[in-house]
């Protein structure tokens, strides 16, 4: 049945199909009997809660950032079996993102190219939605900077989002690794990244001192980093004391694609996700885990399209996994299978 639905949806432009599907599901999930049927179909009764970074997660599988940017579909995702949803990337001010079209399927490779550009409704609007978030679902806040904010002022954007979302989410992911905001990846360099993380952790301490609970802070990194750059991330993680790593974001590489070079070039710039990024993202995960000797919690993301892929992430050092492109190609049955 899902394959039939998918074939119809794939006749639409990717971004149109994305929001059409989510909006239909959002309507259906508000009908009690339909909601009960969907939950019964896609909730894995054998799933086991686990503690990760001090948080009890219902299961190991989450929705990666970028899918529900504006926290509009949390109830839908919970009904489809996700144990956690990472919203965002959230920026202080709402922004339209890059020009359309900006989301493309590479069907032969079960891959996606996106150059969305941190399109989101902005901090204040998203906060209002999170006030009514569903119980029992873990929500992470993926935060970034506005496109118009120069890199030397980026720390202020991250602090604004961090403090603003703090009462409404369960953990944070600092996103300096998206390839779709000009210059953003330069913030992965040791100097600016140290400044951002230290500022966030200092702000967290002041919030804790004021009576707030401690929320974990994770760093999301790119799969395109060299081993020398990963060594910098390892040192920085130890020096700052951040709580974990999300490995990895999308790649700017186009290696390993079976689709024609002409078709790929026509899609243009953007981050590649899906099956082709699985091997490199898992290598990064394993490299970091060996260096940390299992002492730093990690979330594995990138190219998960079946249970075996998820297990490979766990063997490489992850404790949780997140999916995005695999969900587009395989639907909610993949969530249940992994959970």
Foldseek 3Di string as FASTA:
>chain_A
DVVVVLVVLVVDQPVVSLVVVLVVLVVQCVPVVSLVVLLVVAAQPPADWDAFLNDTFRHFEEADEPSAQQLPRQSSVVSLHHREYEHFQAWAAADQFDDPPAWDAPVVQLKIFGLRGRHYHHLVNSLVSLVPHDPRHAYEHEYFYHLPDDLVCGLVGLQSNLVSCVVRHQAYEYDQAFPNRPPSVVCLPLVNVLVNLLVSVVVQVVVVVVPGDRHAYEYEHALPDDVVSLVSVLVSCVVSVGQAYEFYDFDQDPPPRPDDPVVVVVSPGGGMFAQVFLVSSLVSLLSSCVVCVLPHAYEGEGHDQAQVSVVSSVVSRHRHYYYDSSCSVPNSNRSNRND
